[in-house]
């Protein structure tokens, strides 16, 4: 959740993209956010389902879709 909050509160495009990359690589093949996960092995996490982290990630995606609409309009 700290990575998601970092992206939500940043106004630096590079930081946000870095956070998105970290989040994309941390779902351990499940497509879900995990909190917490072990930094050296993202497949080691304590909760297989954590609605709070998944909901917060959804908020991030909604925020970015509004703020970066011009970036994604041709994707």
N, C-alpha and C. Protein backbone atom coordinates (compact mmCIF):
# COMPACT_ATOMS: atom_id res chain seq x y z
N UNK A 1 0.82 -1.19 0.00
CA UNK A 1 0.00 0.00 0.00
C UNK A 1 0.87 1.25 0.00
N UNK A 2 2.06 1.13 0.53
CA UNK A 2 2.94 2.30 0.54
C UNK A 2 3.34 2.70 -0.88
N UNK A 3 3.52 1.73 -1.76
CA UNK A 3 3.88 2.06 -3.14
C UNK A 3 2.70 2.75 -3.82
N UNK A 4 1.50 2.27 -3.55
CA UNK A 4 0.30 2.90 -4.13
C UNK A 4 0.16 4.32 -3.62
N UNK A 5 0.33 4.52 -2.32
CA UNK A 5 0.22 5.87 -1.74
C UNK A 5 1.30 6.79 -2.29
N UNK A 6 2.48 6.25 -2.51
CA UNK A 6 3.55 7.05 -3.11
C UNK A 6 3.10 7.57 -4.47
N UNK A 7 2.53 6.69 -5.28
CA UNK A 7 2.06 7.09 -6.61
C UNK A 7 0.89 8.07 -6.51
N UNK A 8 -0.02 7.85 -5.57
CA UNK A 8 -1.18 8.73 -5.42
C UNK A 8 -0.79 10.14 -5.02
N UNK A 9 0.27 10.28 -4.27
CA UNK A 9 0.64 11.59 -3.73
C UNK A 9 1.76 12.28 -4.50
N UNK A 10 2.31 11.59 -5.48
CA UNK A 10 3.42 12.17 -6.25
C UNK A 10 2.88 13.04 -7.39
N UNK A 11 3.64 14.06 -7.72
CA UNK A 11 3.33 14.85 -8.91
C UNK A 11 4.46 14.73 -9.95
N UNK A 12 5.32 13.75 -9.72
CA UNK A 12 6.45 13.49 -10.61
C UNK A 12 6.12 12.28 -11.49
N UNK A 13 5.99 12.51 -12.79
CA UNK A 13 5.62 11.44 -13.72
C UNK A 13 6.56 10.24 -13.63
N UNK A 14 7.84 10.51 -13.49
CA UNK A 14 8.83 9.43 -13.40
C UNK A 14 8.62 8.56 -12.17
N UNK A 15 8.35 9.20 -11.03
CA UNK A 15 8.07 8.46 -9.80
C UNK A 15 6.81 7.61 -9.95
N UNK A 16 5.79 8.18 -10.55
CA UNK A 16 4.53 7.46 -10.71
C UNK A 16 4.73 6.24 -11.61
N UNK A 17 5.44 6.42 -12.70
CA UNK A 17 5.71 5.30 -13.61
C UNK A 17 6.52 4.24 -12.89
N UNK A 18 7.50 4.64 -12.09
CA UNK A 18 8.29 3.68 -11.32
C UNK A 18 7.41 2.91 -10.35
N UNK A 19 6.51 3.60 -9.68
CA UNK A 19 5.58 2.92 -8.77
C UNK A 19 4.71 1.92 -9.52
N UNK A 20 4.21 2.31 -10.69
CA UNK A 20 3.39 1.40 -11.48
C UNK A 20 4.17 0.16 -11.89
N UNK A 21 5.42 0.35 -12.24
CA UNK A 21 6.27 -0.80 -12.60
C UNK A 21 6.46 -1.73 -11.39
N UNK A 22 6.70 -1.13 -10.23
CA UNK A 22 6.86 -1.94 -9.02
C UNK A 22 5.58 -2.72 -8.71
N UNK A 23 4.44 -2.04 -8.83
CA UNK A 23 3.17 -2.70 -8.54
C UNK A 23 2.90 -3.82 -9.55
N UNK A 24 3.20 -3.56 -10.80
CA UNK A 24 2.98 -4.57 -11.84
C UNK A 24 3.82 -5.81 -11.58
N UNK A 25 5.02 -5.61 -11.07
CA UNK A 25 5.91 -6.75 -10.84
C UNK A 25 5.70 -7.41 -9.48
N UNK A 26 4.80 -6.88 -8.66
CA UNK A 26 4.66 -7.41 -7.30
C UNK A 26 3.40 -8.24 -7.09
N UNK A 27 2.60 -8.47 -8.13
CA UNK A 27 1.35 -9.19 -7.89
C UNK A 27 1.53 -10.72 -7.89
N UNK A 28 2.73 -11.19 -8.13
CA UNK A 28 3.07 -12.61 -8.04
C UNK A 28 2.20 -13.49 -8.93
N UNK A 29 1.82 -12.94 -10.09
CA UNK A 29 1.04 -13.72 -11.03
C UNK A 29 -0.44 -13.84 -10.71
N UNK A 30 -0.89 -13.16 -9.67
CA UNK A 30 -2.29 -13.28 -9.26
C UNK A 30 -3.17 -12.17 -9.82
N UNK A 31 -2.56 -11.05 -10.23
CA UNK A 31 -3.34 -9.90 -10.68
C UNK A 31 -3.92 -9.10 -9.53
N UNK A 32 -3.55 -9.44 -8.30
CA UNK A 32 -4.04 -8.76 -7.11
C UNK A 32 -2.88 -8.10 -6.36
N UNK A 33 -3.21 -7.09 -5.59
CA UNK A 33 -2.21 -6.44 -4.75
C UNK A 33 -2.09 -7.21 -3.43
N UNK A 34 -0.88 -7.33 -2.96
CA UNK A 34 -0.62 -8.03 -1.70
C UNK A 34 0.05 -7.08 -0.73
N UNK A 35 -0.32 -7.18 0.51
CA UNK A 35 0.28 -6.34 1.54
C UNK A 35 0.40 -7.17 2.80
N UNK A 36 1.54 -7.39 3.31
CA UNK A 36 2.83 -7.08 2.71
C UNK A 36 3.35 -8.25 1.87
N UNK A 37 4.37 -7.95 1.09
CA UNK A 37 5.08 -9.00 0.37
C UNK A 37 6.56 -8.85 0.68
N UNK A 38 7.27 -9.96 0.56
CA UNK A 38 8.70 -9.96 0.84
C UNK A 38 9.42 -9.34 -0.35
N UNK A 39 10.28 -8.37 -0.09
CA UNK A 39 10.95 -7.60 -1.15
C UNK A 39 11.82 -8.47 -2.05
N UNK A 40 12.35 -9.57 -1.54
CA UNK A 40 13.23 -10.43 -2.33
C UNK A 40 12.48 -11.55 -3.06
N UNK A 41 11.21 -11.73 -2.73
CA UNK A 41 10.41 -12.77 -3.38
C UNK A 41 8.93 -12.38 -3.27
N UNK A 42 8.42 -11.73 -4.31
CA UNK A 42 7.04 -11.21 -4.26
C UNK A 42 5.99 -12.30 -4.16
N UNK A 43 6.39 -13.56 -4.41
CA UNK A 43 5.42 -14.64 -4.25
C UNK A 43 5.24 -15.03 -2.79
N UNK A 44 6.03 -14.41 -1.92
CA UNK A 44 5.89 -14.62 -0.48
C UNK A 44 5.16 -13.42 0.11
N UNK A 45 3.90 -13.61 0.43
CA UNK A 45 3.07 -12.54 0.98
C UNK A 45 2.16 -13.12 2.05
N UNK A 46 1.59 -12.26 2.87
CA UNK A 46 0.81 -12.76 4.01
C UNK A 46 -0.68 -12.86 3.74
N UNK A 47 -1.20 -12.12 2.79
CA UNK A 47 -2.64 -12.15 2.53
C UNK A 47 -2.88 -12.39 1.05
N UNK A 48 -3.61 -13.46 0.74
CA UNK A 48 -3.91 -13.73 -0.66
C UNK A 48 -4.99 -12.79 -1.20
N UNK A 49 -5.81 -12.27 -0.32
CA UNK A 49 -6.85 -11.31 -0.72
C UNK A 49 -6.87 -10.20 0.32
N UNK A 50 -6.68 -8.99 -0.12
CA UNK A 50 -6.69 -7.84 0.78
C UNK A 50 -7.43 -6.71 0.07
N UNK A 51 -8.71 -6.61 0.34
CA UNK A 51 -9.58 -5.67 -0.38
C UNK A 51 -9.08 -4.23 -0.28
N UNK A 52 -8.53 -3.85 0.85
CA UNK A 52 -8.07 -2.48 1.02
C UNK A 52 -7.00 -2.14 -0.01
N UNK A 53 -6.01 -2.99 -0.15
CA UNK A 53 -4.93 -2.74 -1.12
C UNK A 53 -5.47 -2.75 -2.55
N UNK A 54 -6.35 -3.68 -2.86
CA UNK A 54 -6.92 -3.74 -4.20
C UNK A 54 -7.78 -2.51 -4.49
N UNK A 55 -8.55 -2.06 -3.51
CA UNK A 55 -9.39 -0.87 -3.69
C UNK A 55 -8.54 0.38 -3.86
N UNK A 56 -7.49 0.49 -3.08
CA UNK A 56 -6.59 1.63 -3.18
C UNK A 56 -5.91 1.65 -4.55
N UNK A 57 -5.54 0.48 -5.05
CA UNK A 57 -4.96 0.40 -6.39
C UNK A 57 -5.98 0.87 -7.43
N UNK A 58 -7.24 0.48 -7.25
CA UNK A 58 -8.30 0.94 -8.15
C UNK A 58 -8.43 2.45 -8.14
N UNK A 59 -8.32 3.05 -6.97
CA UNK A 59 -8.35 4.52 -6.86
C UNK A 59 -7.19 5.15 -7.62
N UNK A 60 -6.03 4.53 -7.53
CA UNK A 60 -4.87 5.03 -8.28
C UNK A 60 -5.14 4.99 -9.78
N UNK A 61 -5.66 3.89 -10.26
CA UNK A 61 -5.93 3.76 -11.69
C UNK A 61 -6.97 4.78 -12.14
N UNK A 62 -8.02 4.98 -11.35
CA UNK A 62 -9.03 6.00 -11.69
C UNK A 62 -8.42 7.39 -11.73
N UNK A 63 -7.60 7.71 -10.74
CA UNK A 63 -6.95 9.02 -10.69
C UNK A 63 -6.06 9.23 -11.92
N UNK A 64 -5.28 8.23 -12.24
CA UNK A 64 -4.38 8.35 -13.39
C UNK A 64 -5.16 8.42 -14.70
N UNK A 65 -6.27 7.72 -14.79
CA UNK A 65 -7.05 7.76 -16.03
C UNK A 65 -7.64 9.15 -16.25
N UNK A 66 -7.94 9.85 -15.16
CA UNK A 66 -8.44 11.23 -15.28
C UNK A 66 -7.30 12.19 -15.60
N UNK A 67 -6.21 12.08 -14.86
CA UNK A 67 -5.11 13.03 -14.99
C UNK A 67 -4.24 12.79 -16.22
N UNK A 68 -4.16 11.56 -16.66
CA UNK A 68 -3.31 11.23 -17.80
C UNK A 68 -4.14 10.83 -19.01
N UNK A 69 -5.37 11.28 -19.09
CA UNK A 69 -6.27 10.90 -20.18
C UNK A 69 -5.65 11.17 -21.54
N UNK A 70 -4.96 12.30 -21.67
CA UNK A 70 -4.36 12.64 -22.96
C UNK A 70 -3.23 11.69 -23.33
N UNK A 71 -2.56 11.14 -22.34
CA UNK A 71 -1.47 10.20 -22.58
C UNK A 71 -2.03 8.87 -23.11
N UNK A 72 -3.17 8.44 -22.56
CA UNK A 72 -3.71 7.14 -22.88
C UNK A 72 -4.74 7.13 -24.00
N UNK A 73 -5.10 8.28 -24.53
CA UNK A 73 -6.18 8.32 -25.52
C UNK A 73 -5.84 7.58 -26.81
N UNK A 74 -4.57 7.41 -27.13
CA UNK A 74 -4.18 6.71 -28.34
C UNK A 74 -3.65 5.32 -28.07
N UNK A 75 -3.81 4.84 -26.87
CA UNK A 75 -3.28 3.51 -26.49
C UNK A 75 -4.33 2.46 -26.72
